[in-house]
Protein backbone atom coordinates (compact mmCIF):
# COMPACT_ATOMS: atom_id res chain seq x y z
CA MET A 1 94.40 -35.55 20.73
CA SER A 2 92.05 -33.05 19.34
CA ILE A 3 92.28 -30.03 21.53
CA PRO A 4 89.26 -27.31 21.20
CA LYS A 5 89.87 -23.66 19.94
CA THR A 6 89.60 -22.52 23.71
CA LEU A 7 92.30 -24.37 24.87
CA VAL A 8 95.21 -23.56 22.27
CA GLY A 9 98.00 -21.79 23.43
CA VAL A 10 96.43 -22.39 27.13
CA CYS A 11 95.99 -25.70 27.58
CA LEU A 12 99.25 -26.02 29.78
CA ALA A 13 98.46 -23.04 31.68
CA ILE A 14 96.86 -22.74 35.13
CA PHE A 15 96.86 -19.30 36.23
CA LEU A 16 95.09 -17.26 38.91
CA SER A 17 96.46 -13.91 39.54
CA LEU A 18 99.00 -13.59 36.58
CA PRO A 19 98.69 -10.78 33.91
CA LEU A 20 96.44 -11.68 31.09
CA SER A 21 98.27 -13.51 28.50
CA ALA A 22 98.07 -13.79 24.62
CA ASP A 23 94.25 -13.04 24.17
CA ASP A 24 95.23 -10.01 25.70
CA ILE A 25 94.28 -6.33 25.58
CA LEU A 26 95.23 -2.72 24.38
CA SER A 27 94.04 -0.07 27.07
CA ASP A 28 92.80 3.28 27.34
CA GLN A 29 91.78 5.39 30.57
CA VAL A 30 88.03 5.66 31.02
CA THR A 31 85.31 6.25 33.79
CA ILE A 32 82.86 3.23 34.17
CA GLN A 33 79.15 3.59 35.31
CA ILE A 34 77.10 0.51 35.77
CA ASP A 35 73.42 0.22 35.67
CA GLN A 36 70.74 -2.51 35.74
CA LYS A 37 71.09 -2.88 31.76
CA ARG A 38 74.50 -2.91 31.51
CA GLN A 39 74.31 -5.39 34.22
CA GLY A 40 71.78 -7.52 31.93
CA LYS A 41 74.38 -7.62 29.43
CA ILE A 42 77.46 -8.56 31.19
CA ILE A 43 75.27 -11.69 33.00
CA LYS A 44 74.03 -12.41 29.25
CA SER A 45 78.03 -12.82 28.21
CA ILE A 46 78.97 -14.72 31.04
CA CYS A 47 76.16 -17.20 31.05
CA ARG A 48 77.01 -17.51 27.23
CA ALA A 49 80.74 -18.33 27.86
CA LEU A 50 79.99 -20.51 30.84
CA SER A 51 77.79 -22.60 28.64
CA GLU A 52 79.98 -22.67 26.00
CA GLU A 53 83.14 -23.61 28.02
CA TYR A 54 83.07 -24.03 31.43
CA LEU A 55 84.00 -27.75 32.53
CA ASP A 56 80.81 -28.78 34.17
CA PRO A 57 78.13 -27.92 31.90
CA LYS A 58 75.41 -28.86 35.02
CA ILE A 59 77.08 -26.54 37.01
CA ALA A 60 77.11 -23.72 34.56
CA SER A 61 73.39 -23.87 34.08
CA ASP A 62 72.60 -23.62 37.23
CA ILE A 63 74.58 -20.72 37.89
CA CYS A 64 72.98 -18.90 34.91
CA THR A 65 69.57 -19.45 36.14
CA PHE A 66 70.78 -17.90 39.65
CA LEU A 67 72.30 -15.05 38.36
CA GLU A 68 69.43 -14.41 35.85
CA ASN A 69 66.75 -14.56 38.60
CA LYS A 70 69.15 -12.58 40.99
CA LEU A 71 69.34 -9.86 38.60
CA ALA A 72 65.47 -10.04 37.50
CA ASP A 73 64.76 -9.72 41.65
CA GLY A 74 67.18 -6.54 41.91
CA GLY A 75 69.93 -8.18 43.88
CA TYR A 76 72.44 -6.29 42.04
CA ASP A 77 70.87 -2.98 42.46
CA THR A 78 72.81 -1.84 45.23
CA HIS A 79 76.15 -2.81 43.23
CA ILE A 80 76.52 0.66 41.32
CA SER A 81 80.37 0.69 41.40
CA ALA A 82 81.71 -1.70 38.52
CA ALA A 83 84.27 -3.10 40.52
CA ASP A 84 82.06 -4.04 43.38
CA PHE A 85 79.32 -5.71 40.33
CA ALA A 86 82.57 -8.05 39.37
CA ALA A 87 83.21 -8.68 43.22
CA SER A 88 79.72 -9.80 43.79
CA LEU A 89 79.65 -12.09 40.46
CA THR A 90 82.50 -13.52 41.69
CA ALA A 91 81.44 -14.48 44.94
CA ASP A 92 78.15 -15.81 43.59
CA LEU A 93 80.14 -17.91 41.17
CA GLN A 94 82.46 -19.52 43.64
CA ARG A 95 80.21 -19.96 45.82
CA LEU A 96 78.09 -22.00 43.44
CA SER A 97 80.57 -23.52 41.72
CA ASN A 98 83.21 -23.83 44.65
CA ASP A 99 85.77 -23.52 42.14
CA ARG A 100 88.41 -20.70 43.17
CA HIS A 101 89.31 -19.91 39.65
CA LEU A 102 86.19 -18.70 38.09
CA ARG A 103 85.85 -15.16 38.39
CA VAL A 104 84.72 -11.90 36.71
CA THR A 105 87.51 -9.44 36.64
CA PHE A 106 86.90 -5.56 36.13
CA ASN A 107 89.66 -3.20 34.65
CA GLN A 108 89.52 0.87 34.72
CA ASP A 109 91.38 0.54 31.44
CA ARG A 110 89.34 0.28 28.34
CA ARG A 111 90.47 -3.35 26.67
CA THR A 112 90.17 -4.83 23.51
CA ARG A 113 90.84 -8.12 22.10
CA ILE A 114 94.37 -8.76 20.46
CA THR A 115 93.04 -10.20 16.72
CA SER A 116 95.86 -9.12 14.59
CA GLN A 117 99.05 -11.31 14.20
CA GLY A 118 101.13 -8.19 14.99
CA ARG A 119 99.71 -7.83 18.20
CA ILE A 120 99.50 -10.93 19.47
CA GLU A 121 103.37 -11.30 18.78
CA GLU A 122 103.88 -8.37 20.78
CA ALA A 123 101.98 -9.85 23.54
CA GLN A 124 103.54 -12.88 23.47
CA ARG A 125 107.13 -10.93 23.21
CA GLN A 126 105.67 -8.54 26.57
CA ARG A 127 105.00 -12.19 28.36
CA ARG A 128 108.55 -13.49 27.24
CA GLU A 129 110.17 -10.71 28.42
CA ARG A 130 108.23 -10.42 31.82
CA GLU A 131 108.92 -14.16 32.93
CA ARG A 132 112.80 -12.65 32.32
CA TYR A 133 112.20 -10.39 34.26
CA ILE A 134 111.12 -12.26 37.44
CA ASN A 135 113.61 -14.90 36.52
CA TYR A 136 111.30 -17.57 35.28
CA GLY A 137 109.97 -17.38 39.24
CA PHE A 138 112.70 -18.19 40.69
CA HIS A 139 112.88 -15.22 43.23
CA LYS A 140 115.90 -16.10 45.43
CA MET A 141 118.15 -19.31 46.11
CA GLU A 142 120.08 -19.17 49.49
CA ARG A 143 122.27 -21.54 51.85
CA LEU A 144 120.94 -21.53 55.10
CA ALA A 145 122.76 -22.40 57.95
CA GLY A 146 123.93 -26.34 58.45
CA ASN A 147 123.93 -26.54 54.72
CA ILE A 148 120.41 -26.30 53.76
CA GLY A 149 119.62 -25.07 50.49
CA TYR A 150 116.58 -22.60 50.14
CA ILE A 151 114.86 -21.59 46.85
CA LYS A 152 111.43 -19.28 46.58
CA ILE A 153 109.72 -19.53 43.71
CA VAL A 154 107.11 -17.21 42.88
CA GLU A 155 105.72 -18.45 39.86
CA PHE A 156 106.05 -21.51 37.64
CA ALA A 157 107.12 -19.98 34.25
CA LYS A 158 105.57 -20.68 31.14
CA GLU A 159 108.47 -20.44 28.84
CA ARG A 160 110.97 -22.99 27.80
CA ALA A 161 113.79 -20.22 28.14
CA GLY A 162 113.39 -20.98 31.97
CA TRP A 163 114.26 -24.27 31.77
CA GLN A 164 117.91 -23.55 31.60
CA THR A 165 117.41 -21.55 34.59
CA ALA A 166 115.76 -24.34 36.79
CA GLY A 167 118.65 -26.40 35.77
CA ALA A 168 121.07 -23.50 37.20
CA VAL A 169 119.01 -23.32 40.11
CA MET A 170 119.07 -27.34 41.02
CA SER A 171 122.58 -27.03 40.33
CA PHE A 172 122.81 -24.45 43.06
CA LEU A 173 121.17 -26.81 45.21
CA SER A 174 123.21 -29.96 44.21
CA ASN A 175 125.48 -29.60 47.35
CA SER A 176 123.01 -29.04 50.04
CA ASP A 177 122.42 -31.87 52.58
CA ALA A 178 118.46 -30.98 53.00
CA ILE A 179 116.34 -28.74 50.71
CA ILE A 180 113.50 -25.97 51.64
CA ILE A 181 111.02 -25.04 48.44
CA ASP A 182 109.29 -22.11 49.61
CA LEU A 183 106.04 -21.74 47.53
CA ARG A 184 104.09 -19.59 49.74
CA ASN A 185 102.06 -16.99 47.70
CA ASN A 186 103.02 -19.06 44.85
CA ASN A 187 99.62 -18.67 42.59
CA GLY A 188 100.59 -21.20 40.11
CA GLY A 189 101.97 -20.83 36.61
CA SER A 190 102.51 -23.45 33.90
CA PRO A 191 102.56 -27.57 34.62
CA ARG A 192 105.63 -28.06 32.19
CA MET A 193 107.19 -26.15 34.84
CA VAL A 194 106.17 -28.20 37.61
CA GLN A 195 106.75 -31.45 36.16
CA ARG A 196 110.66 -30.47 35.07
CA VAL A 197 111.31 -28.75 38.63
CA LEU A 198 110.02 -32.03 40.07
CA SER A 199 111.47 -34.33 38.04
CA TYR A 200 115.05 -33.51 39.37
CA PHE A 201 113.83 -35.14 42.71
CA PHE A 202 113.12 -38.33 41.44
CA ASP A 203 115.23 -41.04 39.70
CA GLU A 204 115.02 -41.93 36.03
CA THR A 205 112.33 -44.15 36.39
CA PRO A 206 109.46 -42.71 34.79
CA ARG A 207 106.45 -41.96 37.47
CA HIS A 208 103.10 -40.78 36.87
CA LEU A 209 102.96 -37.55 38.28
CA ILE A 210 99.02 -36.27 37.36
CA ASN A 211 96.58 -36.14 34.80
CA HIS A 212 94.71 -33.18 33.30
CA SER A 213 91.49 -33.77 31.49
CA PHE A 214 89.20 -30.95 29.76
CA ARG A 215 85.57 -30.51 28.53
CA ASP A 216 84.80 -32.01 25.03
CA VAL A 217 88.13 -34.11 25.17
CA ALA A 218 88.01 -37.54 25.54
CA ASP A 219 91.82 -37.88 25.78
CA LEU A 220 93.71 -37.59 29.05
CA GLN A 221 96.71 -35.33 29.53
CA GLU A 222 99.14 -37.51 31.15
CA PHE A 223 102.18 -35.99 32.91
CA TRP A 224 105.24 -38.02 34.14
CA THR A 225 108.71 -37.19 35.62
CA LEU A 226 111.36 -36.65 33.04
CA SER A 227 113.71 -39.49 32.06
CA GLU A 228 116.24 -36.77 30.79
CA LEU A 229 117.51 -34.20 32.72
CA PRO A 230 120.42 -31.72 32.01
CA GLY A 231 122.69 -31.82 35.36
CA LYS A 232 122.66 -33.80 38.34
CA ARG A 233 119.45 -35.50 40.24
CA LEU A 234 118.64 -34.56 43.76
CA THR A 235 116.99 -38.11 44.21
CA GLU A 236 118.06 -38.61 47.85
CA THR A 237 118.24 -34.84 49.70
CA PRO A 238 115.60 -34.36 52.20
CA LEU A 239 113.23 -32.31 50.88
CA TYR A 240 110.66 -29.75 52.70
CA VAL A 241 108.15 -27.66 51.03
CA LEU A 242 106.54 -24.33 52.38
CA THR A 243 102.71 -23.85 52.09
CA ASN A 244 100.39 -20.81 52.91
CA GLN A 245 96.71 -20.13 51.86
CA LEU A 246 97.75 -18.34 48.85
CA THR A 247 99.52 -21.56 47.40
CA PHE A 248 97.33 -22.05 44.66
CA SER A 249 96.65 -24.00 41.37
CA ALA A 250 99.86 -25.32 39.83
CA ALA A 251 101.77 -24.79 42.85
CA GLU A 252 99.41 -27.07 44.42
CA GLU A 253 100.26 -29.44 41.71
CA PHE A 254 103.93 -29.26 42.43
CA VAL A 255 103.00 -29.90 46.09
CA TYR A 256 100.60 -32.67 45.86
CA CYS A 257 102.71 -34.64 43.57
CA LEU A 258 105.40 -34.76 46.11
CA LYS A 259 102.93 -35.59 49.04
CA ARG A 260 101.18 -38.28 46.86
CA PHE A 261 105.42 -40.11 46.72
CA SER A 262 105.81 -39.34 50.33
CA ARG A 263 109.35 -37.29 48.65
CA ALA A 264 108.65 -34.34 50.92
CA THR A 265 107.64 -32.97 54.15
CA ILE A 266 104.84 -30.29 53.51
CA VAL A 267 105.36 -26.98 56.13
CA GLY A 268 102.97 -24.64 56.78
CA GLU A 269 99.20 -23.77 56.04
CA THR A 270 96.59 -25.69 54.15
CA THR A 271 97.01 -24.64 50.49
CA GLY A 272 94.17 -22.37 48.83
CA GLY A 273 92.42 -25.38 46.70
CA GLY A 274 92.29 -24.73 43.30
CA ALA A 275 92.62 -27.78 40.97
CA HIS A 276 91.00 -26.27 37.65
CA ILE A 277 92.78 -25.37 34.50
CA GLY A 278 91.73 -22.25 32.40
CA SER A 279 92.29 -19.18 30.85
CA HIS A 280 90.69 -15.43 30.49
CA ASP A 281 88.58 -13.80 28.30
CA LEU A 282 87.03 -10.59 27.98
CA ILE A 283 83.00 -10.12 28.26
CA ASP A 284 83.25 -6.46 26.85
CA ALA A 285 85.56 -3.44 27.08
CA HIS A 286 85.91 -3.46 30.88
CA PHE A 287 84.86 -6.85 32.19
CA GLY A 288 86.59 -10.36 31.64
CA ILE A 289 86.27 -14.01 33.18
CA PHE A 290 88.16 -16.63 34.07
CA ILE A 291 86.90 -19.97 33.09
CA PRO A 292 88.04 -23.10 34.06
CA TYR A 293 87.60 -25.87 31.15
CA GLY A 294 89.81 -28.67 32.82
CA LYS A 295 90.83 -30.23 36.04
CA VAL A 296 93.45 -31.96 37.34
CA SER A 297 93.27 -35.33 38.71
CA ASP A 298 95.25 -38.26 40.89
CA PRO A 299 96.10 -41.12 38.27
CA LEU A 300 95.06 -43.59 40.77
CA THR A 301 91.83 -41.97 42.66
CA GLY A 302 90.94 -39.64 40.03
CA GLU A 303 90.44 -37.13 43.16
CA ASN A 304 92.25 -33.26 43.21
CA TRP A 305 92.27 -30.77 45.71
CA GLU A 306 89.64 -28.41 44.62
CA GLY A 307 87.66 -26.61 46.83
CA LYS A 308 89.63 -28.14 49.98
CA GLY A 309 93.61 -27.37 49.44
CA ILE A 310 96.30 -29.52 50.46
CA SER A 311 96.97 -29.81 54.29
CA PRO A 312 100.49 -29.66 55.45
CA ASP A 313 102.16 -32.66 57.34
CA VAL A 314 103.38 -30.12 59.77
CA ALA A 315 101.25 -27.19 60.29
CA ALA A 316 102.87 -23.84 60.80
CA THR A 317 101.77 -20.23 60.21
CA SER A 318 103.17 -18.80 57.38
CA GLU A 319 105.13 -16.78 59.00
CA ALA A 320 106.92 -19.52 60.91
CA ALA A 321 107.23 -21.77 58.03
CA LEU A 322 110.31 -21.30 57.30
CA ASN A 323 112.05 -21.35 60.64
CA THR A 324 110.00 -24.74 61.48
CA ALA A 325 111.22 -26.09 58.44
CA HIS A 326 115.18 -25.21 58.78
CA GLN A 327 114.81 -26.91 62.38
CA LEU A 328 112.75 -30.03 60.97
CA ALA A 329 115.85 -30.21 58.48
CA LEU A 330 118.66 -29.65 60.84
CA GLU A 331 117.12 -32.01 63.63
CA ASN A 332 116.77 -34.61 61.39
CA LEU A 333 120.11 -34.61 59.83
CA LEU A 334 121.58 -34.61 63.74
CA SER A 335 119.66 -37.79 64.17
CA GLY A 336 120.79 -39.50 61.23
CA ASN A 337 124.50 -40.69 60.94
CA SER A 338 127.03 -38.57 62.83
CA SER A 339 128.98 -36.09 60.50
CA GLN A 340 132.01 -33.95 61.33
CA PHE A 341 129.74 -30.78 60.89
CA ASP A 342 126.99 -31.76 63.58
CA GLU A 343 128.69 -29.36 65.69
CA ASN A 344 127.76 -26.77 63.49
CA ARG A 345 124.09 -27.55 62.95
CA ARG A 346 123.72 -27.93 66.86
CA TRP A 347 124.70 -24.46 67.02
CA ALA A 348 122.67 -23.24 64.10
CA LEU A 349 119.69 -25.24 66.03
CA GLU A 350 120.29 -23.30 69.38
CA ALA A 351 120.26 -19.92 66.92
CA LEU A 352 116.85 -20.98 65.55
CA ASP A 353 115.47 -22.36 69.11
CA SER A 354 116.87 -19.67 71.37
CA GLU A 355 117.27 -16.57 69.78
CA ILE A 356 115.11 -13.64 71.99
CA PRO A 357 114.37 -9.88 71.12
CA LEU A 358 117.54 -7.58 71.87
CA GLU A 359 115.30 -5.76 74.76
CA MET A 360 115.04 -9.08 77.20
CA MET A 361 118.85 -9.45 77.12
CA ASP A 362 119.95 -7.77 80.46
CA SER A 363 119.62 -4.07 80.55
CA THR A 364 122.78 -2.99 82.36
CA LEU A 365 124.80 -5.52 80.15
CA LEU A 366 123.28 -4.35 77.12
CA SER A 367 124.04 -0.56 77.77
CA MET A 368 127.76 -1.80 78.22
CA LEU A 369 128.42 -3.58 75.03
CA PRO A 370 129.33 -1.26 72.60
CA GLY A 371 132.56 -0.42 72.17
CA GLU A 372 136.14 -1.21 71.21
CA TYR A 373 137.23 -4.27 72.23
CA GLN A 374 141.15 -4.54 71.44
CA GLN A 375 140.74 -3.37 67.99
CA HIS A 376 137.13 -5.22 67.49
CA ASN A 377 134.36 -3.35 67.95
CA VAL A 378 130.57 -3.88 68.85
CA VAL A 379 128.10 -0.92 67.73
CA PHE A 380 124.63 -0.02 68.36
CA ASP A 381 123.13 1.02 65.05
CA ASN A 382 119.20 1.81 64.54
CA GLY A 383 118.13 -0.87 67.37
CA ARG A 384 120.48 -3.31 66.35
CA LEU A 385 123.71 -4.60 67.94
CA TYR A 386 126.66 -5.36 65.02
CA PHE A 387 130.17 -6.95 65.75
CA GLN A 388 132.69 -5.71 63.46
CA PRO A 389 136.27 -7.24 63.58
CA ARG A 390 139.40 -6.23 62.79
CA GLY A 391 139.58 -4.46 59.35
CA ALA A 392 136.43 -6.45 58.40
CA ALA A 393 132.81 -5.97 57.57
CA ARG A 394 130.24 -5.68 60.34
CA PHE A 395 127.63 -8.99 61.17
CA GLU A 396 124.47 -8.44 62.93
CA MET A 397 124.54 -9.89 66.51
CA ILE A 398 121.91 -12.47 66.97
CA PRO A 399 121.14 -12.74 70.84
CA VAL A 400 120.34 -15.64 72.34
CA LYS A 401 120.23 -17.30 76.00
CA ASN A 402 122.72 -16.62 78.70
CA ASN A 403 124.16 -13.62 77.34
CA GLN A 404 125.41 -14.84 73.87
CA PHE A 405 125.13 -13.75 70.38
CA PHE A 406 125.41 -15.63 67.38
CA LEU A 407 126.37 -13.57 64.23
CA ARG A 408 124.23 -13.53 61.31
CA ASP A 409 125.34 -15.51 57.67
CA ILE A 410 128.39 -16.76 60.44
CA GLU A 411 127.43 -20.11 61.66
CA SER A 412 131.13 -21.02 63.32
CA VAL A 413 131.34 -18.28 66.06
CA LYS A 414 129.05 -17.09 68.70
CA LEU A 415 130.14 -14.23 71.26
CA GLN A 416 129.50 -14.25 75.05
CA PHE A 417 129.82 -11.04 76.92
CA ARG A 418 130.73 -11.28 80.77
CA GLN A 419 131.16 -8.13 83.48
CA ASP A 420 133.82 -8.44 85.50
CA GLN A 421 133.24 -6.09 88.78
CA ALA A 422 136.92 -6.40 89.99
CA LYS A 423 138.27 -5.26 86.65
CA ASP A 424 135.37 -2.84 86.24
CA GLY A 425 134.91 -3.85 82.52
CA VAL A 426 133.35 -6.12 80.05
CA GLU A 427 134.99 -9.21 78.28
CA MET A 428 134.13 -10.47 75.10
CA ILE A 429 134.70 -14.10 74.77
CA ASN A 430 135.03 -15.10 70.97
CA LEU A 431 133.79 -19.14 70.77
CA ASN A 432 134.24 -21.12 67.56
CA VAL A 433 132.74 -24.43 66.72
CA ASN A 434 136.24 -25.79 66.52
CA GLY A 435 136.90 -25.42 70.20
CA ARG A 436 139.18 -22.08 69.65
CA ILE A 437 138.47 -19.37 72.55
CA GLU A 438 139.63 -16.03 72.22
CA ARG A 439 139.04 -13.19 75.04
CA PHE A 440 138.74 -9.57 74.32
CA TRP A 441 138.68 -6.65 76.79
CA LYS A 442 136.58 -3.64 76.14
CA GLN A 443 138.73 -0.49 76.36
């Protein structure tokens, strides 16, 4: 497939708000004043770039006609701030194209295109180092109560060096009974990393995930699941994916492919709606433009999520999405075949369902809880209660109903407190998921 020069080095990238890459920049601080003459030069440069590169030439032509007419009519005269001018241009571009990738950027620093080989290599080195620094987008891994695996992916990194990290993350998840992948606020990244991570959730049979097409390029770029991967595949593990309005671009591609094959339950908000592929270019020393020159499409229908986003299977606010998915995972496991860990999961579900603010507890009893219980301690510190077993670290106490508390990160124990008027004291009852009960009196 012949790829035009605008695609070289970036045809596999789908970026929204990530730092600029290989056609990068050097800078020194200056102050910008914008006037109508400067506005005209910028709009002329934008129109030239759009006519040469934008994925839909007809839309590009309509945009340019509008921008030129608005400029002539004084429509940008109030935008004396360079940043305001860039924001106004972006609003016009996105309204006319319904393309959330298409945008004008402004940077106070003076920028020049990197053209020498040495500077290109330095920009590439910095990008590699940045991706290593963010752990190739794998921000957090955790085992949640009930043996639910959780990973937070903030970006799908471009570098092949991240593939080994992806394999290690999948290995961490391999013993989970269900998995939650958190893509909230993930603005996108590389479809090659998307393809690799997706492949772990399917068997070795190749599946046609998605197509990419580019302006002036006849052939489609097809993405299939990978038949060879290091480590264990997680083909049978129930999967939940968290989304919000800032889940965008390549992150949406990840969501779309899983939803298309009914492989995951999507929990959260409708995604941002960006299914185009592009790159950033400079207009002048301070202004740039991100121009989409390609798009993503479903192999069967030719459709995508541009301008409309991907709706969740289970709607939840961004803030509530994780707890909602965790509850769903536990409920679905409990509704399946019985397991020796069912009681652990019931307790974990109870903790999620029943957590209440500390101030809603009985105030009289609450004031009596801190103290020593036969060498165990309950401590009130900075608005929180903690249980500190004898000779051990302390655990935050999570209040639930009936004067009971779960311990954060300890899913096999809960504490119940009872005030005994006859003894004029407080009893702490230590309940273990295996049925063992221990009682301790406050001294």
